[in-house]
Amino acid sequence: LKHLNLRKWAHMLGFRGHFSTKTRAYSTTLGALRAARAAWHRRH
């Protein structure tokens, strides 16, 4: 089962927080997603 990298992800079991990254260097941030949703809601 080494190819599944289970030890790499063992710390995530039972985690109920954010699953995604919060880095500013990634493709987008959670703040940017919230802002886009709010803008869409205002337009519609």
All heavy atoms as atom14 arrays in JSON, in Angstrom:
{
  "sequence": "LKHLNLRKWAHMLGFRGHFSTKTRAYSTTLGALRAARAAWHRRH",
  "atom14_mask": [
    [1, 1, 1, 1, 1, 1, 1, 1, 0, 0, 0, 0, 0, 0],
    [1, 1, 1, 1, 1, 1, 1, 1, 1, 0, 0, 0, 0, 0],
    [1, 1, 1, 1, 1, 1, 1, 1, 1, 1, 0, 0, 0, 0],
    [1, 1, 1, 1, 1, 1, 1, 1, 0, 0, 0, 0, 0, 0],
    [1, 1, 1, 1, 1, 1, 1, 1, 0, 0, 0, 0, 0, 0],
    [1, 1, 1, 1, 1, 1, 1, 1, 0, 0, 0, 0, 0, 0],
    [1, 1, 1, 1, 1, 1, 1, 1, 1, 1, 1, 0, 0, 0],
    [1, 1, 1, 1, 1, 1, 1, 1, 1, 0, 0, 0, 0, 0],
    [1, 1, 1, 1, 1, 1, 1, 1, 1, 1, 1, 1, 1, 1],
    [1, 1, 1, 1, 1, 0, 0, 0, 0, 0, 0, 0, 0, 0],
    [1, 1, 1, 1, 1, 1, 1, 1, 1, 1, 0, 0, 0, 0],
    [1, 1, 1, 1, 1, 1, 1, 1, 0, 0, 0, 0, 0, 0],
    [1, 1, 1, 1, 1, 1, 1, 1, 0, 0, 0, 0, 0, 0],
    [1, 1, 1, 1, 0, 0, 0, 0, 0, 0, 0, 0, 0, 0],
    [1, 1, 1, 1, 1, 1, 1, 1, 1, 1, 1, 0, 0, 0],
    [1, 1, 1, 1, 1, 1, 1, 1, 1, 1, 1, 0, 0, 0],
    [1, 1, 1, 1, 0, 0, 0, 0, 0, 0, 0, 0, 0, 0],
    [1, 1, 1, 1, 1, 1, 1, 1, 1, 1, 0, 0, 0, 0],
    [1, 1, 1, 1, 1, 1, 1, 1, 1, 1, 1, 0, 0, 0],
    [1, 1, 1, 1, 1, 1, 0, 0, 0, 0, 0, 0, 0, 0],
    [1, 1, 1, 1, 1, 1, 1, 0, 0, 0, 0, 0, 0, 0],
    [1, 1, 1, 1, 1, 1, 1, 1, 1, 0, 0, 0, 0, 0],
    [1, 1, 1, 1, 1, 1, 1, 0, 0, 0, 0, 0, 0, 0],
    [1, 1, 1, 1, 1, 1, 1, 1, 1, 1, 1, 0, 0, 0],
    [1, 1, 1, 1, 1, 0, 0, 0, 0, 0, 0, 0, 0, 0],
    [1, 1, 1, 1, 1, 1, 1, 1, 1, 1, 1, 1, 0, 0],
    [1, 1, 1, 1, 1, 1, 0, 0, 0, 0, 0, 0, 0, 0],
    [1, 1, 1, 1, 1, 1, 1, 0, 0, 0, 0, 0, 0, 0],
    [1, 1, 1, 1, 1, 1, 1, 0, 0, 0, 0, 0, 0, 0],
    [1, 1, 1, 1, 1, 1, 1, 1, 0, 0, 0, 0, 0, 0],
    [1, 1, 1, 1, 0, 0, 0, 0, 0, 0, 0, 0, 0, 0],
    [1, 1, 1, 1, 1, 0, 0, 0, 0, 0, 0, 0, 0, 0],
    [1, 1, 1, 1, 1, 1, 1, 1, 0, 0, 0, 0, 0, 0],
    [1, 1, 1, 1, 1, 1, 1, 1, 1, 1, 1, 0, 0, 0],
    [1, 1, 1, 1, 1, 0, 0, 0, 0, 0, 0, 0, 0, 0],
    [1, 1, 1, 1, 1, 0, 0, 0, 0, 0, 0, 0, 0, 0],
    [1, 1, 1, 1, 1, 1, 1, 1, 1, 1, 1, 0, 0, 0],
    [1, 1, 1, 1, 1, 0, 0, 0, 0, 0, 0, 0, 0, 0],
    [1, 1, 1, 1, 1, 0, 0, 0, 0, 0, 0, 0, 0, 0],
    [1, 1, 1, 1, 1, 1, 1, 1, 1, 1, 1, 1, 1, 1],
    [1, 1, 1, 1, 1, 1, 1, 1, 1, 1, 0, 0, 0, 0],
    [1, 1, 1, 1, 1, 1, 1, 1, 1, 1, 1, 0, 0, 0],
    [1, 1, 1, 1, 1, 1, 1, 1, 1, 1, 1, 0, 0, 0],
    [1, 1, 1, 1, 1, 1, 1, 1, 1, 1, 0, 0, 0, 0]
  ],
  "atom14_positions": [
    [[0.81, -1.22, 0.0], [0.0, 0.0, 0.0], [0.84, 1.28, 0.0], [0.3, 2.38, 0.14], [-0.94, 0.01, 1.22], [-1.97, -1.12, 1.28], [-2.76, -1.03, 2.57], [-2.89, -1.07, 0.08], [0.0, 0.0, 0.0], [0.0, 0.0, 0.0], [0.0, 0.0, 0.0], [0.0, 0.0, 0.0], [0.0, 0.0, 0.0], [0.0, 0.0, 0.0]],
    [[2.15, 1.15, -0.15], [3.05, 2.31, -0.12], [2.66, 3.35, -1.17], [2.77, 4.55, -0.94], [4.5, 1.88, -0.35], [5.11, 1.16, 0.81], [5.86, 2.13, 1.66], [6.63, 1.32, 2.7], [6.89, 2.05, 3.88], [0.0, 0.0, 0.0], [0.0, 0.0, 0.0], [0.0, 0.0, 0.0], [0.0, 0.0, 0.0], [0.0, 0.0, 0.0]],
    [[2.2, 2.9, -2.33], [1.87, 3.81, -3.43], [0.7, 4.75, -3.1], [0.49, 5.77, -3.75], [1.56, 3.02, -4.71], [0.31, 2.2, -4.62], [0.25, 1.0, -3.91], [-0.93, 2.43, -5.11], [-0.97, 0.52, -4.0], [-1.72, 1.35, -4.73], [0.0, 0.0, 0.0], [0.0, 0.0, 0.0], [0.0, 0.0, 0.0], [0.0, 0.0, 0.0]],
    [[-0.08, 4.42, -2.06], [-1.22, 5.26, -1.68], [-0.82, 6.44, -0.78], [-1.64, 7.34, -0.55], [-2.27, 4.41, -0.96], [-2.94, 3.31, -1.79], [-3.88, 2.49, -0.93], [-3.69, 3.93, -2.97], [0.0, 0.0, 0.0], [0.0, 0.0, 0.0], [0.0, 0.0, 0.0], [0.0, 0.0, 0.0], [0.0, 0.0, 0.0], [0.0, 0.0, 0.0]],
    [[0.4, 6.44, -0.29], [0.89, 7.52, 0.59], [-0.04, 7.76, 1.78], [-0.34, 8.9, 2.14], [1.06, 8.83, -0.19], [2.16, 8.74, -1.22], [3.2, 8.12, -0.97], [1.93, 9.32, -2.38], [0.0, 0.0, 0.0], [0.0, 0.0, 0.0], [0.0, 0.0, 0.0], [0.0, 0.0, 0.0], [0.0, 0.0, 0.0], [0.0, 0.0, 0.0]],
    [[-0.5, 6.68, 2.41], [-1.44, 6.8, 3.52], [-0.84, 7.54, 4.71], [-1.54, 8.29, 5.39], [-1.94, 5.42, 3.94], [-2.82, 4.71, 2.92], [-3.17, 3.31, 3.39], [-4.08, 5.5, 2.65], [0.0, 0.0, 0.0], [0.0, 0.0, 0.0], [0.0, 0.0, 0.0], [0.0, 0.0, 0.0], [0.0, 0.0, 0.0], [0.0, 0.0, 0.0]],
    [[0.43, 7.34, 4.97], [1.04, 8.04, 6.1], [1.09, 9.54, 5.87], [1.0, 10.31, 6.81], [2.44, 7.49, 6.37], [2.39, 6.14, 7.04], [3.7, 5.77, 7.63], [3.52, 4.66, 8.55], [4.48, 4.14, 9.27], [5.69, 4.61, 9.18], [4.23, 3.15, 10.09], [0.0, 0.0, 0.0], [0.0, 0.0, 0.0], [0.0, 0.0, 0.0]],
    [[1.22, 9.94, 4.62], [1.26, 11.37, 4.29], [-0.07, 12.03, 4.64], [-0.11, 13.19, 5.05], [1.57, 11.53, 2.8], [1.59, 12.97, 2.34], [1.9, 13.04, 0.85], [1.84, 14.46, 0.35], [2.09, 14.54, -1.1], [0.0, 0.0, 0.0], [0.0, 0.0, 0.0], [0.0, 0.0, 0.0], [0.0, 0.0, 0.0], [0.0, 0.0, 0.0]],
    [[-1.19, 11.3, 4.51], [-2.52, 11.87, 4.73], [-3.17, 11.41, 6.03], [-4.31, 11.77, 6.31], [-3.43, 11.52, 3.55], [-2.91, 12.1, 2.29], [-2.27, 11.44, 1.28], [-2.92, 13.48, 1.92], [-1.89, 12.31, 0.3], [-2.28, 13.59, 0.67], [-3.4, 14.64, 2.51], [-2.12, 14.79, 0.02], [-3.24, 15.84, 1.86], [-2.61, 15.9, 0.62]],
    [[-2.48, 10.66, 6.86], [-3.06, 10.14, 8.11], [-3.5, 11.27, 9.04], [-4.48, 11.14, 9.76], [-2.06, 9.23, 8.81], [0.0, 0.0, 0.0], [0.0, 0.0, 0.0], [0.0, 0.0, 0.0], [0.0, 0.0, 0.0], [0.0, 0.0, 0.0], [0.0, 0.0, 0.0], [0.0, 0.0, 0.0], [0.0, 0.0, 0.0], [0.0, 0.0, 0.0]],
    [[-2.8, 12.39, 9.03], [-3.14, 13.5, 9.92], [-4.47, 14.16, 9.55], [-5.03, 14.9, 10.34], [-2.03, 14.54, 9.89], [-1.92, 15.26, 8.58], [-1.31, 14.67, 7.47], [-2.35, 16.47, 8.19], [-1.39, 15.53, 6.46], [-2.01, 16.62, 6.86], [0.0, 0.0, 0.0], [0.0, 0.0, 0.0], [0.0, 0.0, 0.0], [0.0, 0.0, 0.0]],
    [[-4.99, 13.9, 8.36], [-6.24, 14.52, 7.91], [-7.48, 13.76, 8.39], [-8.58, 14.3, 8.32], [-6.28, 14.61, 6.39], [-5.31, 15.58, 5.79], [-5.73, 17.29, 6.17], [-7.23, 17.49, 5.23], [0.0, 0.0, 0.0], [0.0, 0.0, 0.0], [0.0, 0.0, 0.0], [0.0, 0.0, 0.0], [0.0, 0.0, 0.0], [0.0, 0.0, 0.0]],
    [[-7.34, 12.55, 8.88], [-8.5, 11.77, 9.29], [-9.17, 12.45, 10.47], [-8.55, 12.77, 11.47], [-8.08, 10.35, 9.66], [-7.56, 9.53, 8.5], [-7.08, 8.18, 8.99], [-8.62, 9.37, 7.44], [0.0, 0.0, 0.0], [0.0, 0.0, 0.0], [0.0, 0.0, 0.0], [0.0, 0.0, 0.0], [0.0, 0.0, 0.0], [0.0, 0.0, 0.0]],
    [[-10.47, 12.71, 10.37], [-11.22, 13.35, 11.43], [-11.1, 14.85, 11.45], [-11.71, 15.51, 12.29], [0.0, 0.0, 0.0], [0.0, 0.0, 0.0], [0.0, 0.0, 0.0], [0.0, 0.0, 0.0], [0.0, 0.0, 0.0], [0.0, 0.0, 0.0], [0.0, 0.0, 0.0], [0.0, 0.0, 0.0], [0.0, 0.0, 0.0], [0.0, 0.0, 0.0]],
    [[-10.35, 15.44, 10.53], [-10.18, 16.9, 10.5], [-11.43, 17.53, 9.93], [-11.88, 17.18, 8.87], [-8.95, 17.25, 9.65], [-8.7, 18.73, 9.56], [-8.33, 19.45, 10.68], [-8.86, 19.39, 8.36], [-8.1, 20.81, 10.6], [-8.63, 20.75, 8.27], [-8.24, 21.45, 9.39], [0.0, 0.0, 0.0], [0.0, 0.0, 0.0], [0.0, 0.0, 0.0]],
    [[-12.01, 18.52, 10.67], [-13.26, 19.13, 10.24], [-13.07, 20.59, 9.82], [-14.02, 21.32, 9.7], [-14.28, 19.03, 11.35], [-14.65, 17.59, 11.67], [-15.63, 17.55, 12.81], [-16.81, 18.35, 12.5], [-18.01, 17.87, 12.31], [-18.2, 16.58, 12.38], [-19.03, 18.65, 12.06], [0.0, 0.0, 0.0], [0.0, 0.0, 0.0], [0.0, 0.0, 0.0]],
    [[-11.85, 21.01, 9.61], [-11.6, 22.39, 9.23], [-11.57, 22.54, 7.72], [-12.16, 21.76, 6.98], [0.0, 0.0, 0.0], [0.0, 0.0, 0.0], [0.0, 0.0, 0.0], [0.0, 0.0, 0.0], [0.0, 0.0, 0.0], [0.0, 0.0, 0.0], [0.0, 0.0, 0.0], [0.0, 0.0, 0.0], [0.0, 0.0, 0.0], [0.0, 0.0, 0.0]],
    [[-10.85, 23.54, 7.25], [-10.72, 23.76, 5.82], [-9.84, 22.67, 5.22], [-8.77, 22.38, 5.72], [-10.09, 25.13, 5.53], [-11.02, 26.25, 5.8], [-12.13, 26.5, 5.03], [-11.01, 27.2, 6.76], [-12.76, 27.54, 5.5], [-12.11, 27.99, 6.55], [0.0, 0.0, 0.0], [0.0, 0.0, 0.0], [0.0, 0.0, 0.0], [0.0, 0.0, 0.0]],
    [[-10.28, 22.12, 4.13], [-9.51, 21.08, 3.47], [-8.56, 21.66, 2.44], [-7.64, 21.02, 2.0], [-10.45, 20.09, 2.77], [-11.25, 20.75, 1.69], [-10.77, 20.77, 0.4], [-12.44, 21.39, 1.97], [-11.49, 21.4, -0.61], [-13.16, 22.01, 0.98], [-12.68, 22.02, -0.31], [0.0, 0.0, 0.0], [0.0, 0.0, 0.0], [0.0, 0.0, 0.0]],
    [[-8.83, 22.88, 2.03], [-8.05, 23.46, 0.95], [-6.97, 24.39, 1.47], [-6.96, 24.76, 2.63], [-8.98, 24.22, -0.01], [-9.54, 25.32, 0.67], [0.0, 0.0, 0.0], [0.0, 0.0, 0.0], [0.0, 0.0, 0.0], [0.0, 0.0, 0.0], [0.0, 0.0, 0.0], [0.0, 0.0, 0.0], [0.0, 0.0, 0.0], [0.0, 0.0, 0.0]],
    [[-6.12, 24.79, 0.59], [-5.01, 25.65, 0.96], [-5.49, 27.07, 1.23], [-6.51, 27.5, 0.71], [-3.95, 25.66, -0.14], [-2.87, 26.46, 0.31], [-4.47, 26.22, -1.43], [0.0, 0.0, 0.0], [0.0, 0.0, 0.0], [0.0, 0.0, 0.0], [0.0, 0.0, 0.0], [0.0, 0.0, 0.0], [0.0, 0.0, 0.0], [0.0, 0.0, 0.0]],
    [[-4.75, 27.78, 2.03], [-5.05, 29.18, 2.29], [-3.88, 30.05, 1.83], [-3.79, 31.21, 2.19], [-5.3, 29.41, 3.78], [-6.57, 28.78, 4.27], [-6.79, 29.16, 5.71], [-8.09, 28.59, 6.2], [-8.4, 29.0, 7.55], [0.0, 0.0, 0.0], [0.0, 0.0, 0.0], [0.0, 0.0, 0.0], [0.0, 0.0, 0.0], [0.0, 0.0, 0.0]],
    [[-3.01, 29.5, 1.04], [-1.84, 30.25, 0.6], [-2.2, 31.29, -0.44], [-3.1, 31.1, -1.25], [-0.75, 29.31, 0.06], [0.36, 30.09, -0.33], [-1.22, 28.52, -1.14], [0.0, 0.0, 0.0], [0.0, 0.0, 0.0], [0.0, 0.0, 0.0], [0.0, 0.0, 0.0], [0.0, 0.0, 0.0], [0.0, 0.0, 0.0], [0.0, 0.0, 0.0]],
    [[-1.51, 32.41, -0.44], [-1.74, 33.45, -1.43], [-1.05, 33.11, -2.75], [-1.36, 33.7, -3.78], [-1.23, 34.79, -0.91], [-1.97, 35.26, 0.31], [-1.47, 36.62, 0.76], [-1.88, 36.96, 2.09], [-3.08, 37.41, 2.42], [-3.99, 37.57, 1.5], [-3.37, 37.7, 3.65], [0.0, 0.0, 0.0], [0.0, 0.0, 0.0], [0.0, 0.0, 0.0]],
    [[-0.12, 32.18, -2.73], [0.6, 31.82, -3.94], [-0.13, 30.76, -4.76], [0.26, 30.47, -5.88], [1.99, 31.31, -3.57], [0.0, 0.0, 0.0], [0.0, 0.0, 0.0], [0.0, 0.0, 0.0], [0.0, 0.0, 0.0], [0.0, 0.0, 0.0], [0.0, 0.0, 0.0], [0.0, 0.0, 0.0], [0.0, 0.0, 0.0], [0.0, 0.0, 0.0]],
    [[-1.16, 30.17, -4.21], [-1.91, 29.16, -4.94], [-2.8, 29.84, -5.98], [-2.82, 31.06, -6.1], [-2.74, 28.33, -3.94], [-3.27, 27.04, -4.5], [-2.41, 26.05, -4.94], [-4.63, 26.81, -4.57], [-2.88, 24.87, -5.45], [-5.12, 25.62, -5.07], [-4.24, 24.66, -5.51], [-4.73, 23.49, -6.02], [0.0, 0.0, 0.0], [0.0, 0.0, 0.0]],
    [[-3.57, 29.09, -6.73], [-4.34, 29.67, -7.83], [-5.35, 30.7, -7.36], [-5.61, 31.67, -8.04], [-5.04, 28.56, -8.6], [-5.98, 27.91, -7.77], [0.0, 0.0, 0.0], [0.0, 0.0, 0.0], [0.0, 0.0, 0.0], [0.0, 0.0, 0.0], [0.0, 0.0, 0.0], [0.0, 0.0, 0.0], [0.0, 0.0, 0.0], [0.0, 0.0, 0.0]],
    [[-5.94, 30.49, -6.2], [-6.89, 31.46, -5.65], [-6.9, 31.31, -4.14], [-6.38, 30.34, -3.61], [-8.3, 31.27, -6.24], [-9.12, 32.35, -5.82], [-8.91, 29.96, -5.79], [0.0, 0.0, 0.0], [0.0, 0.0, 0.0], [0.0, 0.0, 0.0], [0.0, 0.0, 0.0], [0.0, 0.0, 0.0], [0.0, 0.0, 0.0], [0.0, 0.0, 0.0]],
    [[-7.51, 32.25, -3.46], [-7.62, 32.16, -2.01], [-9.09, 32.05, -1.64], [-9.98, 32.34, -2.45], [-7.04, 33.42, -1.34], [-7.78, 34.56, -1.77], [-5.56, 33.59, -1.68], [0.0, 0.0, 0.0], [0.0, 0.0, 0.0], [0.0, 0.0, 0.0], [0.0, 0.0, 0.0], [0.0, 0.0, 0.0], [0.0, 0.0, 0.0], [0.0, 0.0, 0.0]],
    [[-9.34, 31.63, -0.42], [-10.72, 31.53, 0.03], [-11.37, 32.9, 0.06], [-12.56, 33.05, -0.23], [-10.78, 30.86, 1.4], [-10.27, 29.42, 1.44], [-10.29, 28.89, 2.86], [-11.11, 28.54, 0.55], [0.0, 0.0, 0.0], [0.0, 0.0, 0.0], [0.0, 0.0, 0.0], [0.0, 0.0, 0.0], [0.0, 0.0, 0.0], [0.0, 0.0, 0.0]],
    [[-10.62, 33.94, 0.38], [-11.14, 35.3, 0.38], [-11.57, 35.73, -1.02], [-12.59, 36.39, -1.19], [0.0, 0.0, 0.0], [0.0, 0.0, 0.0], [0.0, 0.0, 0.0], [0.0, 0.0, 0.0], [0.0, 0.0, 0.0], [0.0, 0.0, 0.0], [0.0, 0.0, 0.0], [0.0, 0.0, 0.0], [0.0, 0.0, 0.0], [0.0, 0.0, 0.0]],
    [[-10.78, 35.36, -2.02], [-11.13, 35.7, -3.4], [-12.41, 34.97, -3.83], [-13.25, 35.54, -4.53], [-9.98, 35.36, -4.34], [0.0, 0.0, 0.0], [0.0, 0.0, 0.0], [0.0, 0.0, 0.0], [0.0, 0.0, 0.0], [0.0, 0.0, 0.0], [0.0, 0.0, 0.0], [0.0, 0.0, 0.0], [0.0, 0.0, 0.0], [0.0, 0.0, 0.0]],
    [[-12.55, 33.73, -3.41], [-13.77, 32.99, -3.73], [-14.98, 33.62, -3.07], [-16.04, 33.75, -3.68], [-13.63, 31.53, -3.3], [-12.61, 30.7, -4.1], [-12.47, 29.32, -3.46], [-13.02, 30.59, -5.54], [0.0, 0.0, 0.0], [0.0, 0.0, 0.0], [0.0, 0.0, 0.0], [0.0, 0.0, 0.0], [0.0, 0.0, 0.0], [0.0, 0.0, 0.0]],
    [[-14.83, 34.02, -1.78], [-15.95, 34.68, -1.09], [-16.32, 35.98, -1.78], [-17.5, 36.31, -1.93], [-15.58, 34.94, 0.37], [-15.73, 33.72, 1.26], [-15.62, 34.09, 2.72], [-14.31, 34.63, 3.07], [-13.26, 33.91, 3.42], [-13.37, 32.6, 3.49], [-12.12, 34.48, 3.72], [0.0, 0.0, 0.0], [0.0, 0.0, 0.0], [0.0, 0.0, 0.0]],
    [[-15.32, 36.76, -2.19], [-15.58, 38.03, -2.87], [-16.3, 37.81, -4.2], [-17.22, 38.55, -4.55], [-14.27, 38.78, -3.09], [0.0, 0.0, 0.0], [0.0, 0.0, 0.0], [0.0, 0.0, 0.0], [0.0, 0.0, 0.0], [0.0, 0.0, 0.0], [0.0, 0.0, 0.0], [0.0, 0.0, 0.0], [0.0, 0.0, 0.0], [0.0, 0.0, 0.0]],
    [[-15.91, 36.78, -4.94], [-16.56, 36.48, -6.22], [-18.01, 36.06, -6.0], [-18.9, 36.48, -6.74], [-15.79, 35.38, -6.95], [0.0, 0.0, 0.0], [0.0, 0.0, 0.0], [0.0, 0.0, 0.0], [0.0, 0.0, 0.0], [0.0, 0.0, 0.0], [0.0, 0.0, 0.0], [0.0, 0.0, 0.0], [0.0, 0.0, 0.0], [0.0, 0.0, 0.0]],
    [[-18.27, 35.25, -4.97], [-19.64, 34.85, -4.67], [-20.49, 36.05, -4.26], [-21.65, 36.17, -4.68], [-19.67, 33.79, -3.56], [-19.3, 32.4, -4.04], [-19.66, 31.35, -3.01], [-18.98, 31.54, -1.74], [-17.8, 31.03, -1.43], [-17.15, 30.29, -2.3], [-17.27, 31.25, -0.25], [0.0, 0.0, 0.0], [0.0, 0.0, 0.0], [0.0, 0.0, 0.0]],
    [[-19.93, 36.95, -3.45], [-20.67, 38.14, -3.02], [-20.98, 39.04, -4.21], [-22.09, 39.58, -4.32], [-19.87, 38.9, -1.97], [0.0, 0.0, 0.0], [0.0, 0.0, 0.0], [0.0, 0.0, 0.0], [0.0, 0.0, 0.0], [0.0, 0.0, 0.0], [0.0, 0.0, 0.0], [0.0, 0.0, 0.0], [0.0, 0.0, 0.0], [0.0, 0.0, 0.0]],
    [[-20.02, 39.21, -5.12], [-20.25, 40.04, -6.31], [-21.34, 39.43, -7.19], [-22.21, 40.13, -7.7], [-18.96, 40.2, -7.11], [0.0, 0.0, 0.0], [0.0, 0.0, 0.0], [0.0, 0.0, 0.0], [0.0, 0.0, 0.0], [0.0, 0.0, 0.0], [0.0, 0.0, 0.0], [0.0, 0.0, 0.0], [0.0, 0.0, 0.0], [0.0, 0.0, 0.0]],
    [[-21.31, 38.12, -7.37], [-22.35, 37.45, -8.16], [-23.71, 37.66, -7.52], [-24.7, 37.94, -8.19], [-22.03, 35.96, -8.27], [-22.99, 35.23, -9.16], [-22.87, 35.0, -10.49], [-24.25, 34.66, -8.77], [-23.96, 34.32, -10.96], [-24.83, 34.1, -9.91], [-24.93, 34.57, -7.57], [-26.06, 33.45, -9.9], [-26.17, 33.93, -7.55], [-26.72, 33.38, -8.7]],
    [[-23.77, 37.51, -6.2], [-25.04, 37.67, -5.49], [-25.57, 39.09, -5.64], [-26.77, 39.29, -5.84], [-24.84, 37.32, -4.01], [-26.13, 37.25, -3.26], [-26.76, 38.35, -2.76], [-26.91, 36.19, -2.94], [-27.88, 37.99, -2.15], [-27.99, 36.68, -2.25], [0.0, 0.0, 0.0], [0.0, 0.0, 0.0], [0.0, 0.0, 0.0], [0.0, 0.0, 0.0]],
    [[-24.69, 40.09, -5.56], [-25.12, 41.49, -5.74], [-25.67, 41.72, -7.14], [-26.67, 42.42, -7.31], [-23.96, 42.44, -5.46], [-23.71, 42.67, -3.98], [-22.74, 43.82, -3.76], [-21.44, 43.61, -4.4], [-20.42, 42.96, -3.84], [-20.54, 42.48, -2.63], [-19.29, 42.82, -4.49], [0.0, 0.0, 0.0], [0.0, 0.0, 0.0], [0.0, 0.0, 0.0]],
    [[-25.04, 41.12, -8.16], [-25.49, 41.3, -9.55], [-26.83, 40.64, -9.8], [-27.61, 41.08, -10.64], [-24.46, 40.75, -10.52], [-23.24, 41.61, -10.71], [-22.4, 41.15, -11.9], [-22.08, 39.74, -11.89], [-21.01, 39.2, -11.32], [-20.14, 39.97, -10.7], [-20.79, 37.91, -11.38], [0.0, 0.0, 0.0], [0.0, 0.0, 0.0], [0.0, 0.0, 0.0]],
    [[-27.11, 39.53, -9.11], [-28.31, 38.74, -9.39], [-29.41, 38.92, -8.36], [-30.38, 38.17, -8.35], [-27.93, 37.25, -9.5], [-27.08, 36.98, -10.69], [-25.71, 37.06, -10.66], [-27.41, 36.65, -11.97], [-25.23, 36.78, -11.86], [-26.24, 36.52, -12.67], [0.0, 0.0, 0.0], [0.0, 0.0, 0.0], [0.0, 0.0, 0.0], [0.0, 0.0, 0.0]]
  ]
}
